[in-house]
């Protein structure tokens, strides 16, 4: 059953159309990759789900009383602010606690559980400014998990990270997706093809939607990323123009 559904969504920003006729859904138990070029509307779509951007037309439905957790891009967080890792994670519950109330036992328990999930419990007292890039990304994930969300939105979680850290996060996201719906906007095509159960190709509207292994038609990738038949994009996908020309079977994520 879909816990997040988007139907007939149209969004204008500054009088310019950014999204048009977007239709998609995400189910509990799925890690869904949202792929597209710069300016395709990926971050705008996530912000629409969060209620931060108003749609011109269309509906967004989050099932029942489901909570939505959001992991922003790392540069959106102030890392030189003098707080510890656990304080940064606790800040994710500010809206639930209230500005004038002190956190209770349940709040600190949620913080502890979130830190355990991302393997940062031993660094809970460390200032966030002393963390590596990968540790900072895990702090942001824990901050979202502290809300115990049924829907988790990730905005470019692999950006600027080395391969071992990307693999660690990929394993973490796959584990988290067993218990909730996870929608990940990313430019890392290879990681998305490897990690995700489904891919949604977006360029202002949904071009294609399906499991990585079924998105074999180079034309949908060309339309999404506005590239030619011999783009290096297909190398990253394991879907080269050369292999297709030779009559070999086209596969994505082989």
C-alpha atoms as a PDB file:
ATOM      1  CA  UNK A   1       0.000   0.000   0.000  1.00  0.00           C
ATOM      2  CA  UNK A   2       1.284   3.456  -0.910  1.00  0.00           C
ATOM      3  CA  UNK A   3       2.133   5.658   2.044  1.00  0.00           C
ATOM      4  CA  UNK A   4       3.072   8.598  -0.195  1.00  0.00           C
ATOM      5  CA  UNK A   5       1.111   9.493  -3.323  1.00  0.00           C
ATOM      6  CA  UNK A   6       1.443  12.444  -5.697  1.00  0.00           C
ATOM      7  CA  UNK A   7      -1.217  13.100  -8.340  1.00  0.00           C
ATOM      8  CA  UNK A   8      -1.436  15.646 -11.171  1.00  0.00           C
ATOM      9  CA  UNK A   9       1.083  17.963  -9.478  1.00  0.00           C
ATOM     10  CA  UNK A  10       1.896  21.299 -11.120  1.00  0.00           C
ATOM     11  CA  UNK A  11       4.296  23.759  -9.462  1.00  0.00           C
ATOM     12  CA  UNK A  12       5.347  27.239 -10.584  1.00  0.00           C
ATOM     13  CA  UNK A  13       8.193  29.180  -8.970  1.00  0.00           C
ATOM     14  CA  UNK A  14       8.658  32.838  -9.810  1.00  0.00           C
ATOM     15  CA  UNK A  15       6.104  32.508 -12.565  1.00  0.00           C
ATOM     16  CA  UNK A  16       8.081  29.701 -14.205  1.00  0.00           C
ATOM     17  CA  UNK A  17       6.769  26.122 -14.445  1.00  0.00           C
ATOM     18  CA  UNK A  18       9.019  23.774 -12.457  1.00  0.00           C
ATOM     19  CA  UNK A  19       6.881  20.623 -12.246  1.00  0.00           C
ATOM     20  CA  UNK A  20       3.992  19.554 -14.432  1.00  0.00           C
ATOM     21  CA  UNK A  21       1.584  16.629 -14.210  1.00  0.00           C
ATOM     22  CA  UNK A  22       3.762  14.686 -11.759  1.00  0.00           C
ATOM     23  CA  UNK A  23       2.264  11.362 -10.703  1.00  0.00           C
ATOM     24  CA  UNK A  24       4.088   8.911  -8.450  1.00  0.00           C
ATOM     25  CA  UNK A  25       3.782   6.828  -5.311  1.00  0.00           C
ATOM     26  CA  UNK A  26       6.097   5.217  -2.766  1.00  0.00           C
ATOM     27  CA  UNK A  27       5.274   2.196  -0.635  1.00  0.00           C
ATOM     28  CA  UNK A  28       6.573   1.033   2.719  1.00  0.00           C
ATOM     29  CA  UNK A  29       9.416  -1.382   2.076  1.00  0.00           C
ATOM     30  CA  UNK A  30      10.734   0.505  -0.962  1.00  0.00           C
ATOM     31  CA  UNK A  31      13.876   2.535  -1.513  1.00  0.00           C
ATOM     32  CA  UNK A  32      12.977   4.712  -4.493  1.00  0.00           C
ATOM     33  CA  UNK A  33      15.555   6.779  -6.366  1.00  0.00           C
ATOM     34  CA  UNK A  34      14.489  10.120  -7.846  1.00  0.00           C
ATOM     35  CA  UNK A  35      16.831  10.877 -10.748  1.00  0.00           C
ATOM     36  CA  UNK A  36      17.125  13.828 -13.086  1.00  0.00           C
ATOM     37  CA  UNK A  37      19.455  16.636 -14.187  1.00  0.00           C
ATOM     38  CA  UNK A  38      19.989  19.934 -12.381  1.00  0.00           C
ATOM     39  CA  UNK A  39      16.793  21.958 -12.543  1.00  0.00           C
ATOM     40  CA  UNK A  40      14.610  18.901 -13.085  1.00  0.00           C
ATOM     41  CA  UNK A  41      12.539  19.692  -9.982  1.00  0.00           C
ATOM     42  CA  UNK A  42      13.754  16.945  -7.623  1.00  0.00           C
ATOM     43  CA  UNK A  43      14.312  19.162  -4.568  1.00  0.00           C
ATOM     44  CA  UNK A  44      11.147  21.125  -5.345  1.00  0.00           C
ATOM     45  CA  UNK A  45       9.168  17.884  -5.319  1.00  0.00           C
ATOM     46  CA  UNK A  46      10.600  16.917  -1.927  1.00  0.00           C
ATOM     47  CA  UNK A  47       9.754  20.348  -0.549  1.00  0.00           C
ATOM     48  CA  UNK A  48       6.219  20.039  -1.866  1.00  0.00           C
ATOM     49  CA  UNK A  49       5.832  16.784   0.068  1.00  0.00           C
ATOM     50  CA  UNK A  50       7.074  18.615   3.176  1.00  0.00           C
ATOM     51  CA  UNK A  51       4.597  21.437   2.618  1.00  0.00           C
ATOM     52  CA  UNK A  52       7.362  24.017   2.127  1.00  0.00           C
ATOM     53  CA  UNK A  53       6.385  24.736  -1.488  1.00  0.00           C
ATOM     54  CA  UNK A  54       2.781  25.189  -2.548  1.00  0.00           C
ATOM     55  CA  UNK A  55       1.502  23.403  -5.617  1.00  0.00           C
ATOM     56  CA  UNK A  56      -0.455  25.281  -8.276  1.00  0.00           C
ATOM     57  CA  UNK A  57      -2.533  22.176  -9.001  1.00  0.00           C
ATOM     58  CA  UNK A  58      -2.543  18.616  -7.746  1.00  0.00           C
ATOM     59  CA  UNK A  59      -2.565  16.612  -4.540  1.00  0.00           C
ATOM     60  CA  UNK A  60      -0.003  15.051  -2.227  1.00  0.00           C
ATOM     61  CA  UNK A  61      -1.228  12.385   0.161  1.00  0.00           C
ATOM     62  CA  UNK A  62       0.731  10.951   3.080  1.00  0.00           C
ATOM     63  CA  UNK A  63      -1.142   7.926   4.380  1.00  0.00           C
ATOM     64  CA  UNK A  64      -3.012   8.217   7.646  1.00  0.00           C
ATOM     65  CA  UNK A  65      -1.063  10.034  10.340  1.00  0.00           C
ATOM     66  CA  UNK A  66       2.303   9.111   8.823  1.00  0.00           C
ATOM     67  CA  UNK A  67       5.265  11.252   9.859  1.00  0.00           C
ATOM     68  CA  UNK A  68       7.694  12.518   7.218  1.00  0.00           C
ATOM     69  CA  UNK A  69      11.416  12.787   7.994  1.00  0.00           C
ATOM     70  CA  UNK A  70      13.683  14.918   5.812  1.00  0.00           C
ATOM     71  CA  UNK A  71      17.450  14.689   5.288  1.00  0.00           C
ATOM     72  CA  UNK A  72      18.604  17.920   3.613  1.00  0.00           C
ATOM     73  CA  UNK A  73      21.806  18.433   1.697  1.00  0.00           C
ATOM     74  CA  UNK A  74      24.756  18.794   4.088  1.00  0.00           C
ATOM     75  CA  UNK A  75      25.461  22.431   3.192  1.00  0.00           C
ATOM     76  CA  UNK A  76      22.016  23.386   4.490  1.00  0.00           C
ATOM     77  CA  UNK A  77      23.029  22.620   8.088  1.00  0.00           C
ATOM     78  CA  UNK A  78      25.216  25.007  10.147  1.00  0.00           C
ATOM     79  CA  UNK A  79      28.109  22.753  11.135  1.00  0.00           C
ATOM     80  CA  UNK A  80      30.119  25.426  12.965  1.00  0.00           C
ATOM     81  CA  UNK A  81      27.339  25.927  15.510  1.00  0.00           C
ATOM     82  CA  UNK A  82      28.672  24.843  18.951  1.00  0.00           C
ATOM     83  CA  UNK A  83      26.472  21.810  19.627  1.00  0.00           C
ATOM     84  CA  UNK A  84      27.140  18.113  20.111  1.00  0.00           C
ATOM     85  CA  UNK A  85      26.051  15.261  17.881  1.00  0.00           C
ATOM     86  CA  UNK A  86      23.167  14.307  20.174  1.00  0.00           C
ATOM     87  CA  UNK A  87      22.008  17.932  20.409  1.00  0.00           C
ATOM     88  CA  UNK A  88      21.985  18.153  16.609  1.00  0.00           C
ATOM     89  CA  UNK A  89      19.894  14.977  16.418  1.00  0.00           C
ATOM     90  CA  UNK A  90      17.558  16.251  19.136  1.00  0.00           C
ATOM     91  CA  UNK A  91      16.937  19.396  17.058  1.00  0.00           C
ATOM     92  CA  UNK A  92      15.010  17.190  14.650  1.00  0.00           C
ATOM     93  CA  UNK A  93      12.307  16.865  17.321  1.00  0.00           C
ATOM     94  CA  UNK A  94      11.983  20.601  18.030  1.00  0.00           C
ATOM     95  CA  UNK A  95       8.654  20.861  16.234  1.00  0.00           C
ATOM     96  CA  UNK A  96       7.251  18.039  18.341  1.00  0.00           C
ATOM     97  CA  UNK A  97       8.747  19.198  21.667  1.00  0.00           C
ATOM     98  CA  UNK A  98       7.994  22.900  21.262  1.00  0.00           C
ATOM     99  CA  UNK A  99      10.377  25.843  21.573  1.00  0.00           C
ATOM    100  CA  UNK A 100       9.623  26.560  25.242  1.00  0.00           C
ATOM    101  CA  UNK A 101       9.586  22.981  26.537  1.00  0.00           C
ATOM    102  CA  UNK A 102      12.426  20.790  27.683  1.00  0.00           C
ATOM    103  CA  UNK A 103      12.888  17.403  26.000  1.00  0.00           C
ATOM    104  CA  UNK A 104      11.484  14.480  27.928  1.00  0.00           C
ATOM    105  CA  UNK A 105      12.500  10.865  28.386  1.00  0.00           C
ATOM    106  CA  UNK A 106      10.749   9.837  25.170  1.00  0.00           C
ATOM    107  CA  UNK A 107      12.673  12.481  23.207  1.00  0.00           C
ATOM    108  CA  UNK A 108      16.074  11.376  24.499  1.00  0.00           C
ATOM    109  CA  UNK A 109      15.138   7.739  23.902  1.00  0.00           C
ATOM    110  CA  UNK A 110      14.295   8.551  20.271  1.00  0.00           C
ATOM    111  CA  UNK A 111      17.651  10.347  19.906  1.00  0.00           C
ATOM    112  CA  UNK A 112      19.523   7.378  21.352  1.00  0.00           C
ATOM    113  CA  UNK A 113      17.752   4.919  19.056  1.00  0.00           C
ATOM    114  CA  UNK A 114      18.472   7.099  16.014  1.00  0.00           C
ATOM    115  CA  UNK A 115      22.171   7.343  16.891  1.00  0.00           C
ATOM    116  CA  UNK A 116      22.353   3.572  17.284  1.00  0.00           C
ATOM    117  CA  UNK A 117      20.763   3.087  13.858  1.00  0.00           C
ATOM    118  CA  UNK A 118      23.430   5.200  12.140  1.00  0.00           C
ATOM    119  CA  UNK A 119      26.306   3.850  14.288  1.00  0.00           C
ATOM    120  CA  UNK A 120      27.163   7.159  15.941  1.00  0.00           C
ATOM    121  CA  UNK A 121      26.250   6.415  19.563  1.00  0.00           C
ATOM    122  CA  UNK A 122      29.916   6.510  20.601  1.00  0.00           C
ATOM    123  CA  UNK A 123      30.254  10.048  19.182  1.00  0.00           C
ATOM    124  CA  UNK A 124      27.149  11.520  20.820  1.00  0.00           C
ATOM    125  CA  UNK A 125      29.162  14.068  22.845  1.00  0.00           C
ATOM    126  CA  UNK A 126      31.436  15.166  20.005  1.00  0.00           C
ATOM    127  CA  UNK A 127      30.975  18.675  18.558  1.00  0.00           C
ATOM    128  CA  UNK A 128      29.414  18.449  15.094  1.00  0.00           C
ATOM    129  CA  UNK A 129      32.139  20.709  13.696  1.00  0.00           C
ATOM    130  CA  UNK A 130      34.726  17.969  14.296  1.00  0.00           C
ATOM    131  CA  UNK A 131      32.962  15.339  12.205  1.00  0.00           C
ATOM    132  CA  UNK A 132      33.975  13.988   8.815  1.00  0.00           C
ATOM    133  CA  UNK A 133      31.695  14.394   5.806  1.00  0.00           C
ATOM    134  CA  UNK A 134      30.319  10.875   6.156  1.00  0.00           C
ATOM    135  CA  UNK A 135      29.687  11.303   9.879  1.00  0.00           C
ATOM    136  CA  UNK A 136      27.874  14.561   9.218  1.00  0.00           C
ATOM    137  CA  UNK A 137      25.618  12.845   6.712  1.00  0.00           C
ATOM    138  CA  UNK A 138      24.777  10.181   9.270  1.00  0.00           C
ATOM    139  CA  UNK A 139      23.964  12.894  11.829  1.00  0.00           C
ATOM    140  CA  UNK A 140      21.405  14.331   9.394  1.00  0.00           C
ATOM    141  CA  UNK A 141      19.905  10.882   8.849  1.00  0.00           C
ATOM    142  CA  UNK A 142      19.694  10.333  12.618  1.00  0.00           C
ATOM    143  CA  UNK A 143      18.109  13.780  13.020  1.00  0.00           C
ATOM    144  CA  UNK A 144      15.325  12.713  10.650  1.00  0.00           C
ATOM    145  CA  UNK A 145      14.989   9.266  12.248  1.00  0.00           C
ATOM    146  CA  UNK A 146      14.511  10.831  15.682  1.00  0.00           C
ATOM    147  CA  UNK A 147      10.957  11.609  14.530  1.00  0.00           C
ATOM    148  CA  UNK A 148      10.403   7.899  13.857  1.00  0.00           C
ATOM    149  CA  UNK A 149       9.034   8.673  10.391  1.00  0.00           C
ATOM    150  CA  UNK A 150       7.043   6.361   8.152  1.00  0.00           C
ATOM    151  CA  UNK A 151       8.305   8.330   5.132  1.00  0.00           C
ATOM    152  CA  UNK A 152      11.956   9.359   4.787  1.00  0.00           C
ATOM    153  CA  UNK A 153      13.046  11.903   2.160  1.00  0.00           C
ATOM    154  CA  UNK A 154      16.747  12.114   1.234  1.00  0.00           C
ATOM    155  CA  UNK A 155      18.174  15.020  -0.771  1.00  0.00           C
ATOM    156  CA  UNK A 156      21.528  14.183  -2.410  1.00  0.00           C
ATOM    157  CA  UNK A 157      22.830  12.042   0.480  1.00  0.00           C
ATOM    158  CA  UNK A 158      25.881  10.777  -1.465  1.00  0.00           C
ATOM    159  CA  UNK A 159      27.154  14.174  -2.633  1.00  0.00           C
ATOM    160  CA  UNK A 160      30.852  14.736  -1.917  1.00  0.00           C
ATOM    161  CA  UNK A 161      31.379  11.415  -0.136  1.00  0.00           C
ATOM    162  CA  UNK A 162      33.996   8.752  -0.877  1.00  0.00           C
ATOM    163  CA  UNK A 163      33.032   5.303  -2.109  1.00  0.00           C
ATOM    164  CA  UNK A 164      33.321   3.417   1.230  1.00  0.00           C
ATOM    165  CA  UNK A 165      31.057   5.988   2.898  1.00  0.00           C
ATOM    166  CA  UNK A 166      28.570   5.777   0.032  1.00  0.00           C
ATOM    167  CA  UNK A 167      28.473   1.995   0.438  1.00  0.00           C
ATOM    168  CA  UNK A 168      27.898   2.321   4.182  1.00  0.00           C
ATOM    169  CA  UNK A 169      25.041   4.744   3.599  1.00  0.00           C
ATOM    170  CA  UNK A 170      23.595   2.591   0.826  1.00  0.00           C
ATOM    171  CA  UNK A 171      23.420  -0.372   3.211  1.00  0.00           C
ATOM    172  CA  UNK A 172      21.849   1.867   5.860  1.00  0.00           C
ATOM    173  CA  UNK A 173      19.189   3.202   3.482  1.00  0.00           C
ATOM    174  CA  UNK A 174      18.332  -0.298   2.289  1.00  0.00           C
ATOM    175  CA  UNK A 175      17.866  -1.388   5.911  1.00  0.00           C
ATOM    176  CA  UNK A 176      15.750   1.654   6.752  1.00  0.00           C
ATOM    177  CA  UNK A 177      13.565   1.041   3.698  1.00  0.00           C
ATOM    178  CA  UNK A 178      12.432  -2.301   5.095  1.00  0.00           C
ATOM    179  CA  UNK A 179      10.423  -0.442   7.723  1.00  0.00           C
ATOM    180  CA  UNK A 180       9.275   2.696   5.901  1.00  0.00           C
ATOM    181  CA  UNK A 181       9.011   4.370   2.507  1.00  0.00           C
ATOM    182  CA  UNK A 182      12.255   6.023   1.420  1.00  0.00           C
ATOM    183  CA  UNK A 183      12.490   8.498  -1.476  1.00  0.00           C
ATOM    184  CA  UNK A 184      16.023   9.556  -2.396  1.00  0.00           C
ATOM    185  CA  UNK A 185      16.846  12.387  -4.806  1.00  0.00           C
ATOM    186  CA  UNK A 186      20.364  11.850  -6.133  1.00  0.00           C
ATOM    187  CA  UNK A 187      22.732  12.602  -8.991  1.00  0.00           C
ATOM    188  CA  UNK A 188      24.703   9.416  -8.300  1.00  0.00           C
ATOM    189  CA  UNK A 189      23.281   7.163 -10.997  1.00  0.00           C
ATOM    190  CA  UNK A 190      25.495   4.155 -10.310  1.00  0.00           C
ATOM    191  CA  UNK A 191      24.634   4.143  -6.593  1.00  0.00           C
ATOM    192  CA  UNK A 192      20.926   4.586  -7.321  1.00  0.00           C
ATOM    193  CA  UNK A 193      20.875   1.719  -9.819  1.00  0.00           C
ATOM    194  CA  UNK A 194      22.728  -0.496  -7.347  1.00  0.00           C
ATOM    195  CA  UNK A 195      20.810   0.447  -4.184  1.00  0.00           C
ATOM    196  CA  UNK A 196      17.241   1.281  -5.204  1.00  0.00           C
ATOM    197  CA  UNK A 197      14.232  -0.972  -5.650  1.00  0.00           C
ATOM    198  CA  UNK A 198      12.669   1.523  -8.080  1.00  0.00           C
ATOM    199  CA  UNK A 199      13.811   4.518 -10.064  1.00  0.00           C
ATOM    200  CA  UNK A 200      11.711   7.532 -10.996  1.00  0.00           C
ATOM    201  CA  UNK A 201      13.196   9.530 -13.874  1.00  0.00           C
ATOM    202  CA  UNK A 202      12.129  13.152 -13.531  1.00  0.00           C
ATOM    203  CA  UNK A 203      12.596  16.173 -15.741  1.00  0.00           C
ATOM    204  CA  UNK A 204       9.784  18.530 -14.762  1.00  0.00           C
ATOM    205  CA  UNK A 205       7.479  15.548 -15.229  1.00  0.00           C
ATOM    206  CA  UNK A 206       7.894  11.815 -14.718  1.00  0.00           C
ATOM    207  CA  UNK A 207       9.569  10.325 -17.794  1.00  0.00           C
ATOM    208  CA  UNK A 208       9.797   6.736 -16.546  1.00  0.00           C
ATOM    209  CA  UNK A 209       9.185   4.738 -13.380  1.00  0.00           C
ATOM    210  CA  UNK A 210      10.215   1.163 -12.643  1.00  0.00           C
ATOM    211  CA  UNK A 211      12.801  -1.254 -11.233  1.00  0.00           C
ATOM    212  CA  UNK A 212      16.355  -0.500 -12.460  1.00  0.00           C
ATOM    213  CA  UNK A 213      16.543  -3.744 -14.409  1.00  0.00           C
ATOM    214  CA  UNK A 214      13.461  -2.847 -16.443  1.00  0.00           C
ATOM    215  CA  UNK A 215      14.573   0.645 -17.514  1.00  0.00           C
ATOM    216  CA  UNK A 216      16.463  -0.654 -20.555  1.00  0.00           C
ATOM    217  CA  UNK A 217      15.287   1.819 -23.163  1.00  0.00           C
ATOM    218  CA  UNK A 218      18.066   4.371 -23.690  1.00  0.00           C
ATOM    219  CA  UNK A 219      15.499   6.836 -25.019  1.00  0.00           C
ATOM    220  CA  UNK A 220      13.947   7.450 -21.587  1.00  0.00           C
ATOM    221  CA  UNK A 221      17.384   8.258 -20.163  1.00  0.00           C
ATOM    222  CA  UNK A 222      18.151  10.498 -23.135  1.00  0.00           C
ATOM    223  CA  UNK A 223      14.873  12.356 -22.663  1.00  0.00           C
ATOM    224  CA  UNK A 224      15.366  12.708 -18.923  1.00  0.00           C
ATOM    225  CA  UNK A 225      18.969  13.935 -19.010  1.00  0.00           C
ATOM    226  CA  UNK A 226      18.790  15.594 -22.434  1.00  0.00           C
ATOM    227  CA  UNK A 227      21.835  13.751 -23.789  1.00  0.00           C
ATOM    228  CA  UNK A 228      22.744  12.019 -27.037  1.00  0.00           C
ATOM    229  CA  UNK A 229      23.091   8.338 -27.831  1.00  0.00           C
ATOM    230  CA  UNK A 230      26.830   8.240 -27.088  1.00  0.00           C
ATOM    231  CA  UNK A 231      26.683   9.989 -23.728  1.00  0.00           C
ATOM    232  CA  UNK A 232      28.995   8.756 -20.966  1.00  0.00           C
ATOM    233  CA  UNK A 233      25.817   8.492 -18.902  1.00  0.00           C
ATOM    234  CA  UNK A 234      25.247   5.037 -20.357  1.00  0.00           C
ATOM    235  CA  UNK A 235      28.626   3.829 -19.147  1.00  0.00           C
ATOM    236  CA  UNK A 236      27.671   4.628 -15.565  1.00  0.00           C
ATOM    237  CA  UNK A 237      24.440   2.734 -16.124  1.00  0.00           C
ATOM    238  CA  UNK A 238      26.094  -0.284 -17.733  1.00  0.00           C
ATOM    239  CA  UNK A 239      23.964   0.543 -20.766  1.00  0.00           C
ATOM    240  CA  UNK A 240      26.426   1.659 -23.393  1.00  0.00           C
ATOM    241  CA  UNK A 241      25.540   2.708 -26.927  1.00  0.00           C
ATOM    242  CA  UNK A 242      28.373   0.499 -28.168  1.00  0.00           C
ATOM    243  CA  UNK A 243      26.967  -2.683 -26.635  1.00  0.00           C
ATOM    244  CA  UNK A 244      23.503  -1.925 -28.003  1.00  0.00           C
ATOM    245  CA  UNK A 245      24.921  -1.312 -31.467  1.00  0.00           C
ATOM    246  CA  UNK A 246      26.662  -4.673 -31.294  1.00  0.00           C
ATOM    247  CA  UNK A 247      23.383  -6.404 -30.580  1.00  0.00           C
ATOM    248  CA  UNK A 248      24.225  -7.332 -26.997  1.00  0.00           C
ATOM    249  CA  UNK A 249      21.362  -7.339 -24.480  1.00  0.00           C
ATOM    250  CA  UNK A 250      20.773  -4.011 -22.772  1.00  0.00           C
ATOM    251  CA  UNK A 251      20.745  -4.154 -18.985  1.00  0.00           C
ATOM    252  CA  UNK A 252      20.729  -1.594 -16.241  1.00  0.00           C
ATOM    253  CA  UNK A 253      22.582  -2.394 -13.072  1.00  0.00           C
ATOM    254  CA  UNK A 254      24.093  -5.587 -14.424  1.00  0.00           C
END
